[in-house]
Protein backbone atom coordinates (compact mmCIF):
# COMPACT_ATOMS: atom_id res chain seq x y z
CA UNK A 1 -32.29 58.01 152.39
CA UNK A 2 -31.23 57.86 148.73
CA UNK A 3 -29.72 54.51 147.74
CA UNK A 4 -26.54 54.51 145.67
CA UNK A 5 -26.01 52.20 142.66
CA UNK A 6 -22.87 50.16 142.22
CA UNK A 7 -21.34 48.31 139.29
CA UNK A 8 -18.98 45.38 139.66
CA UNK A 9 -15.57 45.90 138.06
CA UNK A 10 -14.07 42.51 137.11
CA UNK A 11 -10.57 43.96 136.76
CA UNK A 12 -10.07 45.00 140.37
CA UNK A 13 -12.87 42.79 141.74
CA UNK A 14 -14.54 45.74 143.44
CA UNK A 15 -17.98 47.34 143.30
CA UNK A 16 -17.60 50.88 142.03
CA UNK A 17 -20.21 53.47 142.68
CA UNK A 18 -22.04 54.64 139.55
CA UNK A 19 -22.30 58.27 138.63
CA UNK A 20 -25.94 59.02 139.32
CA UNK A 21 -25.89 62.69 138.52
CA UNK A 22 -28.54 64.38 136.32
CA UNK A 23 -26.17 64.84 133.40
CA UNK A 24 -25.22 61.15 133.52
CA UNK A 25 -28.85 60.10 133.52
CA UNK A 26 -29.61 62.33 130.56
CA UNK A 27 -26.61 60.94 128.66
CA UNK A 28 -27.74 57.35 129.31
CA UNK A 29 -31.26 58.21 128.10
CA UNK A 30 -29.83 59.77 124.91
CA UNK A 31 -27.77 56.62 124.26
CA UNK A 32 -30.82 54.38 124.76
CA UNK A 33 -32.98 56.52 122.45
CA UNK A 34 -30.27 56.64 119.79
CA UNK A 35 -29.88 52.86 119.92
CA UNK A 36 -33.63 52.37 119.56
CA UNK A 37 -33.75 54.78 116.60
CA UNK A 38 -30.82 53.06 114.86
CA UNK A 39 -32.39 49.64 115.36
CA UNK A 40 -35.76 50.91 114.05
CA UNK A 41 -34.14 52.42 110.95
CA UNK A 42 -32.22 49.22 110.25
CA UNK A 43 -35.36 47.13 110.62
CA UNK A 44 -37.28 49.45 108.31
CA UNK A 45 -34.53 49.33 105.66
CA UNK A 46 -34.38 45.52 105.80
CA UNK A 47 -38.18 45.26 105.58
CA UNK A 48 -38.41 47.65 102.63
CA UNK A 49 -35.72 45.69 100.76
CA UNK A 50 -37.35 42.30 101.10
CA UNK A 51 -41.05 43.05 101.61
CA UNK A 52 -43.60 45.25 99.79
CA UNK A 53 -46.19 47.32 101.53
CA UNK A 54 -49.85 46.76 100.57
CA UNK A 55 -49.78 50.02 98.61
CA UNK A 56 -46.63 49.01 96.75
CA UNK A 57 -48.14 45.62 95.90
CA UNK A 58 -51.24 47.33 94.54
CA UNK A 59 -49.16 49.75 92.42
CA UNK A 60 -47.05 46.86 91.11
CA UNK A 61 -50.16 44.93 90.06
CA UNK A 62 -51.58 48.01 88.35
CA UNK A 63 -48.31 48.56 86.49
CA UNK A 64 -48.23 44.94 85.31
CA UNK A 65 -51.81 45.21 84.05
CA UNK A 66 -51.02 48.45 82.22
CA UNK A 67 -47.95 46.90 80.62
CA UNK A 68 -49.96 43.88 79.47
CA UNK A 69 -52.59 46.19 77.97
CA UNK A 70 -49.84 48.18 76.27
CA UNK A 71 -48.48 44.99 74.71
CA UNK A 72 -51.98 44.01 73.51
CA UNK A 73 -52.43 47.45 71.93
CA UNK A 74 -49.05 47.09 70.22
CA UNK A 75 -50.13 43.75 68.73
CA UNK A 76 -53.41 45.26 67.55
CA UNK A 77 -51.51 48.11 65.97
CA UNK A 78 -49.36 45.55 64.14
CA UNK A 79 -52.54 43.83 62.88
CA UNK A 80 -53.94 47.16 61.66
CA UNK A 81 -50.68 47.84 59.81
CA UNK A 82 -50.87 44.43 58.14
CA UNK A 83 -54.48 44.95 57.03
CA UNK A 84 -53.67 48.43 55.74
CA UNK A 85 -50.77 47.04 53.70
CA UNK A 86 -53.12 44.51 52.08
CA UNK A 87 -55.65 47.26 51.36
CA UNK A 88 -52.92 49.39 49.80
CA UNK A 89 -51.85 46.47 47.61
CA UNK A 90 -55.43 46.01 46.41
CA UNK A 91 -55.67 49.74 45.75
CA UNK A 92 -52.46 49.68 43.73
CA UNK A 93 -53.79 46.77 41.64
CA UNK A 94 -57.06 48.61 41.04
CA UNK A 95 -55.22 51.77 39.99
CA UNK A 96 -53.02 49.91 37.52
CA UNK A 97 -55.64 47.53 36.12
CA UNK A 98 -58.74 49.71 36.04
CA UNK A 99 -57.46 53.27 35.84
CA UNK A 100 -54.18 52.42 34.08
CA UNK A 101 -52.21 54.82 36.25
CA UNK A 102 -49.89 54.76 39.23
CA UNK A 103 -51.43 55.32 42.68
CA UNK A 104 -50.34 57.79 45.32
CA UNK A 105 -47.33 56.33 47.08
CA UNK A 106 -47.88 56.38 50.86
CA UNK A 107 -45.02 56.89 53.28
CA UNK A 108 -43.53 53.86 54.91
CA UNK A 109 -44.89 52.92 58.30
CA UNK A 110 -42.72 50.48 60.15
CA UNK A 111 -44.35 48.84 63.12
CA UNK A 112 -41.88 49.06 65.98
CA UNK A 113 -42.36 49.10 69.69
CA UNK A 114 -41.27 47.83 73.06
CA UNK A 115 -41.70 44.22 74.02
CA UNK A 116 -43.24 43.31 77.35
CA UNK A 117 -39.85 42.38 78.82
CA UNK A 118 -38.33 45.67 77.68
CA UNK A 119 -41.25 47.61 79.12
CA UNK A 120 -40.36 46.39 82.60
CA UNK A 121 -36.98 48.08 82.24
CA UNK A 122 -38.12 51.14 80.28
CA UNK A 123 -38.62 54.59 81.83
CA UNK A 124 -42.14 55.99 81.79
CA UNK A 125 -41.03 58.85 79.55
CA UNK A 126 -39.87 56.47 76.82
CA UNK A 127 -43.09 54.44 77.04
CA UNK A 128 -45.16 57.59 76.59
CA UNK A 129 -42.96 58.73 73.69
CA UNK A 130 -43.28 55.36 71.94
CA UNK A 131 -47.05 55.34 72.41
CA UNK A 132 -47.33 58.86 71.01
CA UNK A 133 -45.21 57.87 68.02
CA UNK A 134 -47.42 54.87 67.28
CA UNK A 135 -50.55 57.04 67.50
CA UNK A 136 -49.04 59.63 65.16
CA UNK A 137 -48.04 56.84 62.77
CA UNK A 138 -51.58 55.45 62.64
CA UNK A 139 -53.06 58.91 62.13
CA UNK A 140 -50.59 59.64 59.33
CA UNK A 141 -51.32 56.28 57.72
CA UNK A 142 -55.04 56.99 57.92
CA UNK A 143 -54.61 60.39 56.28
CA UNK A 144 -52.56 58.88 53.44
CA UNK A 145 -55.14 56.14 52.87
CA UNK A 146 -57.92 58.73 52.92
CA UNK A 147 -56.08 60.69 50.22
CA UNK A 148 -55.74 57.56 48.12
CA UNK A 149 -59.46 56.84 48.38
CA UNK A 150 -60.32 60.45 47.54
CA UNK A 151 -58.30 60.16 44.34
CA UNK A 152 -59.86 56.75 43.69
CA UNK A 153 -63.34 58.29 43.99
CA UNK A 154 -62.42 61.09 41.57
CA UNK A 155 -61.02 58.67 39.02
CA UNK A 156 -63.98 56.34 39.54
CA UNK A 157 -66.46 59.11 38.83
CA UNK A 158 -64.58 59.99 35.65
CA UNK A 159 -64.63 56.35 34.50
CA UNK A 160 -67.96 55.23 35.85
CA UNK A 161 -68.97 53.74 32.51
CA UNK A 162 -65.72 51.81 32.29
CA UNK A 163 -66.06 49.81 35.51
CA UNK A 164 -68.80 47.37 34.36
CA UNK A 165 -66.82 46.66 31.19
CA UNK A 166 -63.68 45.46 33.00
CA UNK A 167 -63.43 41.62 32.80
CA UNK A 168 -63.13 41.33 36.58
CA UNK A 169 -64.45 37.84 37.46
CA UNK A 170 -63.61 34.25 36.59
CA UNK A 171 -65.55 32.86 33.59
CA UNK A 172 -66.63 29.73 35.48
CA UNK A 173 -67.44 29.04 39.12
CA UNK A 174 -64.11 28.28 40.78
CA UNK A 175 -64.59 29.09 44.45
CA UNK A 176 -62.03 26.57 45.73
CA UNK A 177 -59.47 27.67 43.07
CA UNK A 178 -58.83 24.07 41.95
CA UNK A 179 -59.92 24.34 38.31
CA UNK A 180 -56.90 26.21 36.94
CA UNK A 181 -55.13 23.65 34.74
CA UNK A 182 -52.63 25.79 32.84
CA UNK A 183 -51.58 29.40 33.24
CA UNK A 184 -50.48 32.30 31.07
CA UNK A 185 -47.00 32.12 29.49
CA UNK A 186 -44.85 29.67 27.59
CA UNK A 187 -46.18 26.10 27.90
CA UNK A 188 -45.59 22.78 26.17
CA UNK A 189 -48.17 22.35 23.40
CA UNK A 190 -50.14 19.10 24.02
CA UNK A 191 -50.10 18.10 20.34
CA UNK A 192 -46.83 19.43 18.94
CA UNK A 193 -44.85 18.91 22.19
CA UNK A 194 -42.89 22.14 21.72
CA UNK A 195 -42.76 25.29 23.90
CA UNK A 196 -45.38 27.74 22.71
CA UNK A 197 -46.83 30.96 24.07
CA UNK A 198 -50.11 30.30 25.85
CA UNK A 199 -52.04 33.57 25.68
CA UNK A 200 -54.67 32.61 28.23
CA UNK A 201 -55.44 30.23 31.06
CA UNK A 202 -57.21 26.87 30.96
CA UNK A 203 -59.99 25.97 33.39
CA UNK A 204 -60.38 22.21 33.70
CA UNK A 205 -64.08 21.39 34.06
CA UNK A 206 -66.57 18.77 32.81
CA UNK A 207 -68.34 19.28 29.49
CA UNK A 208 -71.50 21.31 30.06
CA UNK A 209 -70.14 23.46 32.91
CA UNK A 210 -71.66 26.98 32.58
CA UNK A 211 -69.45 29.74 31.19
CA UNK A 212 -70.19 33.39 32.10
CA UNK A 213 -69.29 36.75 30.57
CA UNK A 214 -66.67 38.43 32.76
CA UNK A 215 -67.74 41.99 31.91
CA UNK A 216 -70.36 43.99 30.01
CA UNK A 217 -69.79 44.07 26.29
CA UNK A 218 -70.79 43.31 22.71
CA UNK A 219 -70.44 39.83 21.19
CA UNK A 220 -68.18 40.37 18.18
CA UNK A 221 -67.87 36.83 16.83
CA UNK A 222 -69.36 33.42 17.51
CA UNK A 223 -67.32 30.71 15.81
CA UNK A 224 -67.91 26.98 15.51
CA UNK A 225 -64.85 25.02 14.44
CA UNK A 226 -63.20 21.63 14.81
CA UNK A 227 -59.74 23.16 14.45
CA UNK A 228 -57.53 25.43 16.52
CA UNK A 229 -59.36 26.74 19.58
CA UNK A 230 -62.63 25.08 18.51
CA UNK A 231 -65.95 26.71 19.35
CA UNK A 232 -65.28 30.20 20.62
CA UNK A 233 -66.86 33.53 21.55
CA UNK A 234 -65.15 36.93 21.32
CA UNK A 235 -66.63 39.76 23.40
CA UNK A 236 -65.66 43.41 22.90
CA UNK A 237 -66.00 45.25 26.22
CA UNK A 238 -64.88 48.65 24.96
CA UNK A 239 -62.08 50.76 26.45
CA UNK A 240 -59.61 48.47 24.65
CA UNK A 241 -60.73 45.27 26.42
CA UNK A 242 -61.67 42.02 24.66
CA UNK A 243 -62.15 38.51 26.07
CA UNK A 244 -62.01 35.20 24.26
CA UNK A 245 -63.78 32.01 25.43
CA UNK A 246 -62.66 28.93 23.48
CA UNK A 247 -62.81 25.12 23.29
CA UNK A 248 -66.49 25.44 24.23
CA UNK A 249 -69.42 23.11 23.65
CA UNK A 250 -72.67 25.12 23.57
CA UNK A 251 -72.67 28.74 22.38
CA UNK A 252 -75.69 30.53 23.85
CA UNK A 253 -75.20 34.01 22.38
CA UNK A 254 -75.33 35.51 18.89
CA UNK A 255 -73.05 37.91 17.09
CA UNK A 256 -74.05 41.53 17.83
CA UNK A 257 -75.77 40.62 21.12
CA UNK A 258 -75.00 42.72 24.23
CA UNK A 259 -74.19 40.86 27.44
CA UNK A 260 -73.74 41.82 31.07
CA UNK A 261 -71.13 40.60 33.53
CA UNK A 262 -72.30 37.24 34.86
CA UNK A 263 -74.56 36.40 31.90
CA UNK A 264 -74.49 32.77 30.76
CA UNK A 265 -72.88 32.66 27.30
CA UNK A 266 -72.22 28.93 26.82
CA UNK A 267 -70.76 25.76 28.33
CA UNK A 268 -67.36 24.11 28.68
CA UNK A 269 -66.43 21.74 25.86
CA UNK A 270 -63.62 19.72 24.32
CA UNK A 271 -63.45 21.11 20.80
CA UNK A 272 -60.64 22.07 18.43
CA UNK A 273 -57.18 20.80 19.38
CA UNK A 274 -58.23 20.34 22.99
CA UNK A 275 -56.92 17.18 24.67
CA UNK A 276 -59.36 17.27 27.61
CA UNK A 277 -62.59 19.09 28.56
CA UNK A 278 -61.71 22.64 29.58
CA UNK A 279 -62.33 26.34 28.92
CA UNK A 280 -59.59 28.39 27.30
CA UNK A 281 -59.94 32.03 28.42
CA UNK A 282 -58.02 35.10 27.22
CA UNK A 283 -58.02 38.81 28.07
CA UNK A 284 -56.71 41.38 25.56
CA UNK A 285 -56.04 45.07 26.21
CA UNK A 286 -55.46 47.31 23.21
CA UNK A 287 -54.67 44.23 21.13
CA UNK A 288 -52.10 42.77 23.55
CA UNK A 289 -52.75 39.51 25.47
CA UNK A 290 -52.78 40.04 29.23
CA UNK A 291 -52.56 37.54 32.09
CA UNK A 292 -56.23 36.92 32.98
CA UNK A 293 -55.35 36.20 36.60
CA UNK A 294 -54.72 39.93 37.09
CA UNK A 295 -58.39 40.57 36.33
CA UNK A 296 -60.07 38.43 39.01
CA UNK A 297 -59.95 41.14 41.70
CA UNK A 298 -63.73 41.28 42.28
CA UNK A 299 -63.74 37.69 43.54
CA UNK A 300 -60.40 37.04 45.22
CA UNK A 301 -58.81 38.16 48.47
CA UNK A 302 -55.04 38.84 48.51
CA UNK A 303 -54.40 35.39 49.97
CA UNK A 304 -56.56 33.64 47.36
CA UNK A 305 -54.89 35.67 44.62
CA UNK A 306 -51.41 34.50 45.73
CA UNK A 307 -52.62 30.90 45.87
CA UNK A 308 -54.13 31.16 42.38
CA UNK A 309 -50.83 32.43 40.97
CA UNK A 310 -48.99 29.47 42.50
CA UNK A 311 -51.52 27.03 41.03
CA UNK A 312 -51.32 28.59 37.55
CA UNK A 313 -47.51 28.25 37.53
CA UNK A 314 -47.49 24.55 38.40
CA UNK A 315 -48.56 23.10 35.05
CA UNK A 316 -45.97 23.01 32.27
CA UNK A 317 -48.37 21.95 29.52
CA UNK A 318 -51.48 23.61 28.12
CA UNK A 319 -54.70 21.81 27.17
CA UNK A 320 -54.97 23.30 23.65
């Protein structure tokens, strides 16, 4: 005999018989299943909001690594841009000093990019676009530099004989750049105590310090004197270049002798109107005195060159 099910009704305090028909059972099953589904969906949503799946954690780690590598590449690109700018500056100096012409002007390349923090909030499309722009910028910069070097090679071949004649080194050993005592320009004369144009630079060094020819050339004059610039040597390098070495002690070359860059030509002295042992050195181009510091490019890096300029500007008085 089938047993009936009853449910207590607290309002009338009676047990009411439950509807146990097939349709009622199916409806109760549907309600139970729906409740389970809703609870499962809610649990899944809550879990996904506060917890990552193993796959999501792996993808997140990979993304962070890629973003870090992207930032490193951006920094390296910035370093390459800096080096290229220094190379371009050296090229421009070589064009002006050696070839007496203006170099090819490259297009500007501004190093921009996304920081690591911005990358975390940047869409993938923008990251790819920025990376492509940086790559195009480097390729364009490379092509411009290649064009500059091609022109440099052409001009170099046309002036191959000129290059050894350029006075392109310091006349004494000055690796630590501490021997510059007075630079090119108006300085207080040590004897007359008045401003006077100083057409060269003074290297402070002990008497007997070796002095070297700064370029290939022909010794025009060798002068011994107790007045003016004292013992001095004038070398004609051709192509409009002449160098003067003064206030010297020993003079180891003769008039009419040919010298090579780096040849020993004498020693530092304290002759003429010199007030301390030093070498007075001048560079002339087509009869005009030039700042000798602009002709030390075979020995100095850009940083050393900037430091040498600062040192040469510090002294307000010449030594001769």
